[in-house]
PDB file of all heavy atoms in Angstrom:
ATOM      1  N   LEU A   1      15.590  52.169  79.846  1.00  0.00           N
ATOM      2  CA  LEU A   1      14.208  52.054  80.326  1.00  0.00           C
ATOM      3  C   LEU A   1      13.289  52.710  79.293  1.00  0.00           C
ATOM      4  O   LEU A   1      13.513  53.850  78.929  1.00  0.00           O
ATOM      5  CB  LEU A   1      14.061  52.730  81.678  1.00  0.00           C
ATOM      6  CG  LEU A   1      12.646  52.782  82.272  1.00  0.00           C
ATOM      7  CD1 LEU A   1      12.076  51.393  82.523  1.00  0.00           C
ATOM      8  CD2 LEU A   1      12.627  53.613  83.579  1.00  0.00           C
ATOM      9  N   VAL A   2      12.306  51.965  78.848  1.00  0.00           N
ATOM     10  CA  VAL A   2      11.299  52.497  77.922  1.00  0.00           C
ATOM     11  C   VAL A   2       9.958  52.452  78.618  1.00  0.00           C
ATOM     12  O   VAL A   2       9.525  51.429  79.144  1.00  0.00           O
ATOM     13  CB  VAL A   2      11.252  51.694  76.617  1.00  0.00           C
ATOM     14  CG1 VAL A   2      10.100  52.185  75.724  1.00  0.00           C
ATOM     15  CG2 VAL A   2      12.583  51.764  75.863  1.00  0.00           C
ATOM     16  N   LEU A   3       9.288  53.606  78.641  1.00  0.00           N
ATOM     17  CA  LEU A   3       7.990  53.762  79.323  1.00  0.00           C
ATOM     18  C   LEU A   3       6.850  53.884  78.318  1.00  0.00           C
ATOM     19  O   LEU A   3       7.025  54.584  77.289  1.00  0.00           O
ATOM     20  CB  LEU A   3       7.974  54.986  80.208  1.00  0.00           C
ATOM     21  CG  LEU A   3       9.061  55.173  81.250  1.00  0.00           C
ATOM     22  CD1 LEU A   3       8.988  56.576  81.816  1.00  0.00           C
ATOM     23  CD2 LEU A   3       8.960  54.145  82.353  1.00  0.00           C
ATOM     24  N   LEU A   4       5.730  53.283  78.602  1.00  0.00           N
ATOM     25  CA  LEU A   4       4.485  53.495  77.861  1.00  0.00           C
ATOM     26  C   LEU A   4       3.360  53.407  78.870  1.00  0.00           C
ATOM     27  O   LEU A   4       2.990  52.313  79.304  1.00  0.00           O
ATOM     28  CB  LEU A   4       4.336  52.431  76.749  1.00  0.00           C
ATOM     29  CG  LEU A   4       3.167  52.635  75.801  1.00  0.00           C
ATOM     30  CD1 LEU A   4       3.313  53.942  75.018  1.00  0.00           C
ATOM     31  CD2 LEU A   4       3.063  51.466  74.834  1.00  0.00           C
ATOM     32  N   ILE A   5       2.848  54.569  79.261  1.00  0.00           N
ATOM     33  CA  ILE A   5       1.911  54.648  80.388  1.00  0.00           C
ATOM     34  C   ILE A   5       0.592  55.250  79.961  1.00  0.00           C
ATOM     35  O   ILE A   5       0.573  56.356  79.386  1.00  0.00           O
ATOM     36  CB  ILE A   5       2.530  55.458  81.544  1.00  0.00           C
ATOM     37  CG1 ILE A   5       3.879  54.845  81.989  1.00  0.00           C
ATOM     38  CG2 ILE A   5       1.590  55.514  82.741  1.00  0.00           C
ATOM     39  CD1 ILE A   5       4.583  55.591  83.086  1.00  0.00           C
ATOM     40  N   ASP A   6      -0.480  54.545  80.203  1.00  0.00           N
ATOM     41  CA  ASP A   6      -1.837  54.999  79.883  1.00  0.00           C
ATOM     42  C   ASP A   6      -1.963  55.417  78.416  1.00  0.00           C
ATOM     43  O   ASP A   6      -2.558  56.462  78.084  1.00  0.00           O
ATOM     44  CB  ASP A   6      -2.245  56.164  80.785  1.00  0.00           C
ATOM     45  CG  ASP A   6      -2.388  55.740  82.247  1.00  0.00           C
ATOM     46  OD1 ASP A   6      -2.052  54.593  82.570  1.00  0.00           O
ATOM     47  OD2 ASP A   6      -2.846  56.557  83.055  1.00  0.00           O
ATOM     48  N   ALA A   7      -1.368  54.628  77.531  1.00  0.00           N
ATOM     49  CA  ALA A   7      -1.423  54.966  76.107  1.00  0.00           C
ATOM     50  C   ALA A   7      -1.863  53.835  75.219  1.00  0.00           C
ATOM     51  O   ALA A   7      -2.482  54.068  74.193  1.00  0.00           O
ATOM     52  CB  ALA A   7      -0.012  55.429  75.649  1.00  0.00           C
ATOM     53  N   LEU A   8      -1.578  52.584  75.610  1.00  0.00           N
ATOM     54  CA  LEU A   8      -1.986  51.432  74.788  1.00  0.00           C
ATOM     55  C   LEU A   8      -3.499  51.423  74.606  1.00  0.00           C
ATOM     56  O   LEU A   8      -4.010  51.008  73.560  1.00  0.00           O
ATOM     57  CB  LEU A   8      -1.540  50.135  75.426  1.00  0.00           C
ATOM     58  CG  LEU A   8      -0.067  49.795  75.292  1.00  0.00           C
ATOM     59  CD1 LEU A   8       0.292  48.585  76.156  1.00  0.00           C
ATOM     60  CD2 LEU A   8       0.329  49.558  73.844  1.00  0.00           C
ATOM     61  N   MET A   9      -4.242  51.903  75.598  1.00  0.00           N
ATOM     62  CA  MET A   9      -5.699  51.930  75.524  1.00  0.00           C
ATOM     63  C   MET A   9      -6.200  52.822  74.389  1.00  0.00           C
ATOM     64  O   MET A   9      -7.329  52.683  73.928  1.00  0.00           O
ATOM     65  CB  MET A   9      -6.274  52.402  76.846  1.00  0.00           C
ATOM     66  CG  MET A   9      -5.867  53.818  77.241  1.00  0.00           C
ATOM     67  SD  MET A   9      -6.440  54.203  78.927  1.00  0.00           S
ATOM     68  CE  MET A   9      -5.819  55.902  79.095  1.00  0.00           C
ATOM     69  N   LEU A  10      -5.344  53.735  73.916  1.00  0.00           N
ATOM     70  CA  LEU A  10      -5.725  54.644  72.841  1.00  0.00           C
ATOM     71  C   LEU A  10      -5.219  54.207  71.464  1.00  0.00           C
ATOM     72  O   LEU A  10      -5.505  54.886  70.471  1.00  0.00           O
ATOM     73  CB  LEU A  10      -5.179  56.056  73.157  1.00  0.00           C
ATOM     74  CG  LEU A  10      -5.563  56.657  74.504  1.00  0.00           C
ATOM     75  CD1 LEU A  10      -4.773  57.939  74.746  1.00  0.00           C
ATOM     76  CD2 LEU A  10      -7.045  56.901  74.582  1.00  0.00           C
ATOM     77  N   MET A  11      -4.484  53.094  71.437  1.00  0.00           N
ATOM     78  CA  MET A  11      -3.799  52.697  70.225  1.00  0.00           C
ATOM     79  C   MET A  11      -4.610  51.796  69.325  1.00  0.00           C
ATOM     80  O   MET A  11      -5.097  50.767  69.741  1.00  0.00           O
ATOM     81  CB  MET A  11      -2.510  51.959  70.600  1.00  0.00           C
ATOM     82  CG  MET A  11      -1.458  52.816  71.300  1.00  0.00           C
ATOM     83  SD  MET A  11      -0.768  54.001  70.115  1.00  0.00           S
ATOM     84  CE  MET A  11       0.224  55.010  71.232  1.00  0.00           C
ATOM     85  N   PRO A  12      -4.781  52.197  68.032  1.00  0.00           N
ATOM     86  CA  PRO A  12      -5.466  51.323  67.112  1.00  0.00           C
ATOM     87  C   PRO A  12      -4.645  50.131  66.692  1.00  0.00           C
ATOM     88  O   PRO A  12      -5.162  49.127  66.171  1.00  0.00           O
ATOM     89  CB  PRO A  12      -5.756  52.245  65.913  1.00  0.00           C
ATOM     90  CG  PRO A  12      -4.683  53.263  65.974  1.00  0.00           C
ATOM     91  CD  PRO A  12      -4.401  53.480  67.423  1.00  0.00           C
ATOM     92  N   ASP A  13      -3.320  50.195  66.888  1.00  0.00           N
ATOM     93  CA  ASP A  13      -2.429  49.083  66.492  1.00  0.00           C
ATOM     94  C   ASP A  13      -1.444  48.869  67.642  1.00  0.00           C
ATOM     95  O   ASP A  13      -0.320  49.360  67.622  1.00  0.00           O
ATOM     96  CB  ASP A  13      -1.699  49.437  65.211  1.00  0.00           C
ATOM     97  CG  ASP A  13      -0.956  48.248  64.608  1.00  0.00           C
ATOM     98  OD1 ASP A  13      -0.715  47.256  65.360  1.00  0.00           O
ATOM     99  OD2 ASP A  13      -0.581  48.297  63.429  1.00  0.00           O
ATOM    100  N   GLU A  14      -1.850  48.081  68.622  1.00  0.00           N
ATOM    101  CA  GLU A  14      -1.014  47.829  69.796  1.00  0.00           C
ATOM    102  C   GLU A  14       0.298  47.130  69.420  1.00  0.00           C
ATOM    103  O   GLU A  14       1.367  47.454  69.951  1.00  0.00           O
ATOM    104  CB  GLU A  14      -1.768  46.980  70.810  1.00  0.00           C
ATOM    105  CG  GLU A  14      -0.965  46.656  72.083  1.00  0.00           C
ATOM    106  CD  GLU A  14      -1.814  45.944  73.122  1.00  0.00           C
ATOM    107  OE1 GLU A  14      -3.048  46.102  73.125  1.00  0.00           O
ATOM    108  OE2 GLU A  14      -1.225  45.238  73.937  1.00  0.00           O
ATOM    109  N   ARG A  15       0.218  46.181  68.518  1.00  0.00           N
ATOM    110  CA  ARG A  15       1.415  45.425  68.145  1.00  0.00           C
ATOM    111  C   ARG A  15       2.515  46.339  67.586  1.00  0.00           C
ATOM    112  O   ARG A  15       3.693  46.190  67.939  1.00  0.00           O
ATOM    113  CB  ARG A  15       1.063  44.376  67.089  1.00  0.00           C
ATOM    114  CG  ARG A  15       2.250  43.507  66.652  1.00  0.00           C
ATOM    115  CD  ARG A  15       1.821  42.462  65.631  1.00  0.00           C
ATOM    116  NE  ARG A  15       2.911  41.660  65.183  1.00  0.00           N
ATOM    117  CZ  ARG A  15       3.745  41.993  64.183  1.00  0.00           C
ATOM    118  NH1 ARG A  15       3.530  43.132  63.530  1.00  0.00           N
ATOM    119  NH2 ARG A  15       4.755  41.234  63.829  1.00  0.00           N
ATOM    120  N   ARG A  16       2.132  47.313  66.803  1.00  0.00           N
ATOM    121  CA  ARG A  16       3.126  48.185  66.184  1.00  0.00           C
ATOM    122  C   ARG A  16       3.874  49.025  67.246  1.00  0.00           C
ATOM    123  O   ARG A  16       5.083  49.173  67.181  1.00  0.00           O
ATOM    124  CB  ARG A  16       2.485  49.108  65.148  1.00  0.00           C
ATOM    125  CG  ARG A  16       3.473  49.985  64.403  1.00  0.00           C
ATOM    126  CD  ARG A  16       2.748  50.926  63.431  1.00  0.00           C
ATOM    127  NE  ARG A  16       2.187  50.201  62.323  1.00  0.00           N
ATOM    128  CZ  ARG A  16       2.844  49.960  61.173  1.00  0.00           C
ATOM    129  NH1 ARG A  16       4.077  50.401  61.057  1.00  0.00           N
ATOM    130  NH2 ARG A  16       2.249  49.309  60.215  1.00  0.00           N
ATOM    131  N   VAL A  17       3.126  49.555  68.216  1.00  0.00           N
ATOM    132  CA  VAL A  17       3.810  50.387  69.219  1.00  0.00           C
ATOM    133  C   VAL A  17       4.659  49.538  70.156  1.00  0.00           C
ATOM    134  O   VAL A  17       5.707  49.939  70.625  1.00  0.00           O
ATOM    135  CB  VAL A  17       2.801  51.265  69.985  1.00  0.00           C
ATOM    136  CG1 VAL A  17       1.993  50.454  70.974  1.00  0.00           C
ATOM    137  CG2 VAL A  17       3.527  52.408  70.718  1.00  0.00           C
ATOM    138  N   LEU A  18       4.215  48.268  70.405  1.00  0.00           N
ATOM    139  CA  LEU A  18       5.061  47.359  71.195  1.00  0.00           C
ATOM    140  C   LEU A  18       6.341  47.007  70.477  1.00  0.00           C
ATOM    141  O   LEU A  18       7.396  46.846  71.102  1.00  0.00           O
ATOM    142  CB  LEU A  18       4.271  46.097  71.556  1.00  0.00           C
ATOM    143  CG  LEU A  18       3.125  46.292  72.553  1.00  0.00           C
ATOM    144  CD1 LEU A  18       2.357  44.984  72.749  1.00  0.00           C
ATOM    145  CD2 LEU A  18       3.620  46.818  73.890  1.00  0.00           C
ATOM    146  N   LEU A  19       6.264  46.898  69.152  1.00  0.00           N
ATOM    147  CA  LEU A  19       7.485  46.640  68.392  1.00  0.00           C
ATOM    148  C   LEU A  19       8.407  47.866  68.430  1.00  0.00           C
ATOM    149  O   LEU A  19       9.632  47.700  68.432  1.00  0.00           O
ATOM    150  CB  LEU A  19       7.108  46.300  66.920  1.00  0.00           C
ATOM    151  CG  LEU A  19       6.481  44.940  66.705  1.00  0.00           C
ATOM    152  CD1 LEU A  19       6.007  44.804  65.267  1.00  0.00           C
ATOM    153  CD2 LEU A  19       7.484  43.832  67.063  1.00  0.00           C
ATOM    154  N   THR A  20       7.845  49.062  68.424  1.00  0.00           N
ATOM    155  CA  THR A  20       8.675  50.268  68.606  1.00  0.00           C
ATOM    156  C   THR A  20       9.410  50.230  69.939  1.00  0.00           C
ATOM    157  O   THR A  20      10.608  50.526  70.001  1.00  0.00           O
ATOM    158  CB  THR A  20       7.803  51.529  68.540  1.00  0.00           C
ATOM    159  OG1 THR A  20       7.167  51.603  67.256  1.00  0.00           O
ATOM    160  CG2 THR A  20       8.649  52.800  68.748  1.00  0.00           C
ATOM    161  N   ALA A  21       8.674  49.842  70.975  1.00  0.00           N
ATOM    162  CA  ALA A  21       9.327  49.740  72.304  1.00  0.00           C
ATOM    163  C   ALA A  21      10.427  48.678  72.292  1.00  0.00           C
ATOM    164  O   ALA A  21      11.498  48.872  72.852  1.00  0.00           O
ATOM    165  CB  ALA A  21       8.264  49.372  73.366  1.00  0.00           C
ATOM    166  N   HIS A  22      10.139  47.537  71.648  1.00  0.00           N
ATOM    167  CA  HIS A  22      11.139  46.473  71.547  1.00  0.00           C
ATOM    168  C   HIS A  22      12.411  46.967  70.887  1.00  0.00           C
ATOM    169  O   HIS A  22      13.538  46.758  71.369  1.00  0.00           O
ATOM    170  CB  HIS A  22      10.521  45.307  70.714  1.00  0.00           C
ATOM    171  CG  HIS A  22      11.411  44.125  70.564  1.00  0.00           C
ATOM    172  ND1 HIS A  22      10.924  42.844  70.428  1.00  0.00           N
ATOM    173  CD2 HIS A  22      12.750  43.987  70.528  1.00  0.00           C
ATOM    174  CE1 HIS A  22      11.928  42.006  70.313  1.00  0.00           C
ATOM    175  NE2 HIS A  22      13.051  42.675  70.380  1.00  0.00           N
ATOM    176  N   ARG A  23      12.253  47.644  69.728  1.00  0.00           N
ATOM    177  CA  ARG A  23      13.417  48.141  68.993  1.00  0.00           C
ATOM    178  C   ARG A  23      14.205  49.194  69.772  1.00  0.00           C
ATOM    179  O   ARG A  23      15.401  49.355  69.555  1.00  0.00           O
ATOM    180  CB  ARG A  23      12.984  48.698  67.650  1.00  0.00           C
ATOM    181  CG  ARG A  23      12.472  47.643  66.659  1.00  0.00           C
ATOM    182  CD  ARG A  23      12.348  48.227  65.269  1.00  0.00           C
ATOM    183  NE  ARG A  23      11.377  49.306  65.236  1.00  0.00           N
ATOM    184  CZ  ARG A  23      10.102  49.133  64.940  1.00  0.00           C
ATOM    185  NH1 ARG A  23       9.643  47.923  64.669  1.00  0.00           N
ATOM    186  NH2 ARG A  23       9.281  50.173  64.909  1.00  0.00           N
ATOM    187  N   ALA A  24      13.526  49.916  70.660  1.00  0.00           N
ATOM    188  CA  ALA A  24      14.180  50.989  71.405  1.00  0.00           C
ATOM    189  C   ALA A  24      15.010  50.512  72.570  1.00  0.00           C
ATOM    190  O   ALA A  24      15.853  51.255  73.081  1.00  0.00           O
ATOM    191  CB  ALA A  24      13.138  51.994  71.895  1.00  0.00           C
ATOM    192  N   LEU A  25      14.782  49.278  73.002  1.00  0.00           N
ATOM    193  CA  LEU A  25      15.460  48.785  74.215  1.00  0.00           C
ATOM    194  C   LEU A  25      16.936  48.460  73.951  1.00  0.00           C
ATOM    195  O   LEU A  25      17.289  47.818  72.955  1.00  0.00           O
ATOM    196  CB  LEU A  25      14.757  47.525  74.723  1.00  0.00           C
ATOM    197  CG  LEU A  25      13.436  47.741  75.445  1.00  0.00           C
ATOM    198  CD1 LEU A  25      12.716  46.417  75.658  1.00  0.00           C
ATOM    199  CD2 LEU A  25      13.660  48.444  76.787  1.00  0.00           C
ATOM    200  N   ALA A  26      17.792  48.898  74.863  1.00  0.00           N
ATOM    201  CA  ALA A  26      19.182  48.489  74.846  1.00  0.00           C
ATOM    202  C   ALA A  26      19.250  47.046  75.356  1.00  0.00           C
ATOM    203  O   ALA A  26      18.302  46.496  75.879  1.00  0.00           O
ATOM    204  CB  ALA A  26      20.007  49.403  75.727  1.00  0.00           C
ATOM    205  N   GLU A  27      20.408  46.430  75.205  1.00  0.00           N
ATOM    206  CA  GLU A  27      20.619  45.098  75.758  1.00  0.00           C
ATOM    207  C   GLU A  27      20.396  45.173  77.275  1.00  0.00           C
ATOM    208  O   GLU A  27      20.939  46.013  77.966  1.00  0.00           O
ATOM    209  CB  GLU A  27      22.027  44.612  75.442  1.00  0.00           C
ATOM    210  CG  GLU A  27      22.291  43.185  75.894  1.00  0.00           C
ATOM    211  CD  GLU A  27      23.684  42.725  75.519  1.00  0.00           C
ATOM    212  OE1 GLU A  27      24.433  43.522  74.912  1.00  0.00           O
ATOM    213  OE2 GLU A  27      24.024  41.561  75.794  1.00  0.00           O
ATOM    214  N   ASN A  28      19.584  44.250  77.784  1.00  0.00           N
ATOM    215  CA  ASN A  28      19.208  44.231  79.184  1.00  0.00           C
ATOM    216  C   ASN A  28      18.324  45.406  79.612  1.00  0.00           C
ATOM    217  O   ASN A  28      18.146  45.634  80.805  1.00  0.00           O
ATOM    218  CB  ASN A  28      20.430  44.131  80.105  1.00  0.00           C
ATOM    219  CG  ASN A  28      21.224  42.867  79.865  1.00  0.00           C
ATOM    220  OD1 ASN A  28      20.640  41.789  79.666  1.00  0.00           O
ATOM    221  ND2 ASN A  28      22.568  42.992  79.861  1.00  0.00           N
ATOM    222  N   GLY A  29      17.815  46.153  78.651  1.00  0.00           N
ATOM    223  CA  GLY A  29      16.916  47.244  78.968  1.00  0.00           C
ATOM    224  C   GLY A  29      15.554  46.716  79.448  1.00  0.00           C
ATOM    225  O   GLY A  29      15.198  45.541  79.226  1.00  0.00           O
TER     226      GLY A  29
END
């Protein structure tokens, strides 16, 4: 489980942090 709560609104580069979340997920995460 990867959480990102009340933080995207502060991000100058949303795509980059979403890619970080993507890379962090286990299979079926």
